[in-house]
Each structure stands twice: as structure tokens, then as C-alpha cells.
Protein backbone atom coordinates (compact mmCIF):
# COMPACT_ATOMS: atom_id res chain seq x y z
CA MET A 1 1.12 9.49 -13.11
CA PRO A 2 1.57 6.81 -15.82
CA PRO A 3 1.71 3.14 -14.79
CA ARG A 4 5.18 1.87 -13.97
CA LEU A 5 6.78 -1.20 -15.47
CA VAL A 6 7.39 -3.99 -12.95
CA HIS A 7 10.70 -5.87 -13.03
CA PHE A 8 11.21 -8.58 -10.43
CA ALA A 9 14.92 -7.67 -10.16
CA ASP A 10 13.84 -4.38 -8.55
CA PRO A 11 13.46 -4.29 -4.76
CA LEU A 12 10.11 -5.64 -3.64
CA PRO A 13 7.74 -3.44 -1.62
CA PRO A 14 7.47 -3.91 2.14
CA PRO A 15 5.84 -7.26 2.95
CA ALA A 16 2.51 -8.02 4.56
CA THR A 17 2.27 -11.04 6.87
CA ASP A 18 -0.61 -13.20 8.00
CA ARG A 19 -1.53 -16.71 9.07
CA PRO A 20 -4.36 -19.00 7.94
CA ALA A 21 -7.58 -18.48 9.90
CA PRO A 22 -7.68 -20.85 12.88
CA GLU A 23 -10.76 -22.65 11.52
CA ARG A 24 -8.87 -23.44 8.29
CA ALA A 25 -5.53 -24.44 9.83
CA LEU A 26 -4.57 -28.10 9.97
CA GLY A 27 -2.18 -27.87 12.91
CA PRO A 28 -0.21 -24.76 13.89
CA SER A 29 -0.89 -21.80 11.55
CA PRO A 30 2.27 -21.05 9.54
CA LEU A 31 3.49 -17.51 8.93
CA ARG A 32 2.83 -16.30 5.36
CA THR A 33 4.59 -13.31 3.81
CA THR A 34 3.38 -11.48 0.69
CA TRP A 35 5.22 -8.84 -1.36
CA GLU A 36 2.62 -7.41 -3.76
CA ALA A 37 4.59 -5.91 -6.65
CA TYR A 38 1.55 -4.87 -8.69
CA ALA A 39 -2.17 -4.43 -8.05
CA ALA A 40 -4.92 -3.14 -10.31
CA ALA A 41 -8.48 -2.04 -9.56
CA ASP A 42 -9.85 -4.91 -11.68
CA GLY A 43 -8.58 -7.49 -9.16
CA LEU A 44 -5.21 -8.37 -10.68
CA SER A 45 -2.42 -8.90 -8.12
CA ILE A 46 1.16 -9.95 -8.90
CA GLY A 47 4.02 -10.53 -6.51
CA GLU A 48 5.97 -12.97 -4.38
CA TRP A 49 4.76 -15.09 -1.50
CA ALA A 50 6.64 -17.10 1.10
CA CYS A 51 5.47 -19.49 3.80
CA GLU A 52 6.92 -21.69 6.50
CA PRO A 53 5.85 -25.36 6.69
CA GLY A 54 2.22 -25.99 7.62
CA ALA A 55 -1.16 -26.86 6.12
CA TRP A 56 -4.64 -25.35 5.82
CA ARG A 57 -7.88 -25.73 3.90
CA ILE A 58 -8.39 -23.44 0.90
CA ALA A 59 -11.62 -22.46 -0.85
CA PHE A 60 -11.34 -20.17 -3.86
CA HIS A 61 -14.55 -18.37 -4.79
CA ASP A 62 -15.89 -18.56 -8.35
CA ARG A 63 -13.96 -15.52 -9.63
CA ARG A 64 -10.47 -16.12 -8.13
CA HIS A 65 -7.76 -17.78 -10.23
CA GLU A 66 -4.07 -18.06 -9.38
CA PHE A 67 -1.03 -18.88 -11.50
CA PHE A 68 2.15 -19.55 -9.50
CA HIS A 69 5.79 -20.44 -10.11
CA VAL A 70 7.75 -22.00 -7.24
CA LEU A 71 11.16 -20.39 -6.71
CA GLU A 72 12.26 -22.52 -3.76
CA GLY A 73 10.87 -25.10 -1.35
CA ARG A 74 8.11 -27.64 -1.84
CA LEU A 75 4.32 -27.63 -1.53
CA ARG A 76 1.44 -30.03 -2.02
CA ILE A 77 -2.11 -29.15 -3.08
CA VAL A 78 -4.85 -31.75 -2.58
CA ASP A 79 -8.32 -31.37 -4.09
CA GLU A 80 -11.59 -32.37 -2.39
CA ASP A 81 -11.44 -35.80 -4.06
CA GLY A 82 -8.01 -36.51 -2.55
CA ARG A 83 -5.95 -36.01 -5.72
CA ALA A 84 -2.59 -34.54 -4.70
CA ARG A 85 -0.02 -32.65 -6.77
CA GLU A 86 3.40 -31.57 -5.50
CA PHE A 87 5.38 -28.58 -6.75
CA GLY A 88 9.05 -27.80 -6.18
CA ALA A 89 11.54 -25.21 -7.40
CA GLY A 90 10.98 -24.52 -11.10
CA ASP A 91 7.45 -25.96 -11.17
CA ALA A 92 4.41 -23.87 -12.03
CA GLY A 93 0.68 -24.43 -11.69
CA VAL A 94 -2.78 -22.91 -11.66
CA ILE A 95 -5.34 -23.00 -8.87
CA PRO A 96 -8.64 -22.51 -10.72
CA ALA A 97 -11.66 -20.55 -9.59
CA GLY A 98 -13.90 -22.54 -7.28
CA PHE A 99 -11.08 -24.88 -6.15
CA ARG A 100 -11.46 -26.44 -2.71
CA GLY A 101 -8.97 -28.61 -0.91
CA THR A 102 -5.84 -28.35 1.20
CA PHE A 103 -2.62 -26.43 0.73
CA GLU A 104 0.45 -27.87 2.47
CA VAL A 105 3.92 -26.32 2.61
CA LEU A 106 6.30 -29.27 2.96
CA ALA A 107 9.54 -27.22 2.96
CA ALA A 108 9.65 -23.43 3.38
CA VAL A 109 8.42 -22.11 0.04
CA ARG A 110 8.75 -18.94 -1.99
CA LYS A 111 6.76 -18.44 -5.17
CA ARG A 112 5.78 -15.77 -7.66
CA TYR A 113 2.08 -15.46 -8.27
CA VAL A 114 -0.48 -13.84 -10.53
CA MET A 115 -3.90 -13.67 -8.88
CA ILE A 116 -7.02 -12.64 -10.74
CA ASP A 117 -9.74 -11.79 -8.23
CA PRO A 118 -12.23 -9.39 -9.87
CA PRO A 119 -14.77 -7.61 -7.72
CA ALA A 120 -18.29 -9.04 -7.72
């Protein structure tokens, strides 16, 4: 079967939900919902992600990169040195490979993402 074209106006696939691991959570673990619209064997994943307010520590390994575009809500990402950046509806950013810090959802957020996470 040939690959299908992805259009974000099409219905999204059924979601997967999770919460940050308890050892990473900074307070109550918020519910996170992911609709993966496209995945490839080389580690590319594209879709939408939503999360209720909350915060947790993040640690990307040396191969994982993420581009995101916030559709609604507000989030803050703080690096290990304490530099904080906030993103709201319409903003976009990149979390580079090897990034460590905290991820905080200030107001329920929904974003589109492109994750590159190739196998080792």
C-alpha cells in the first residue's frame, strides 16, 4: 500500500494518553493526550498533543529533536541554567536534542509537533 498524504483537516486517529513519570513530575502529574497522525520507521512522528496544567522535568536524549506549534493555551520551557521561554497560541519553537530542563503547562495547551527520534 502506498504512503498516504496527511492533512490536518482530516479526523485525527484515536488518542493515546499518559502522565509524566512520578519521579519527573513537579506536583500532580497532568494528563497528556497524543494523536499521532504520522509515524515512520526512521523515528519521525507528527501529530497533535494536548495537556492540562502541570509541570515536569524533561531530558531529551542526543538523537531526539522536536518542532512544535502552539494552537491554544500557554506553556513555559526552562533550561537547566534557568532561562525560561513562554509560548502561546501561534508561537512555534524547537526543543533540541540533549535538552534538559522543565516543561510547564500554564493554561491547557494543544500543539502540533514534529518529533525526530531515530533509533540508536
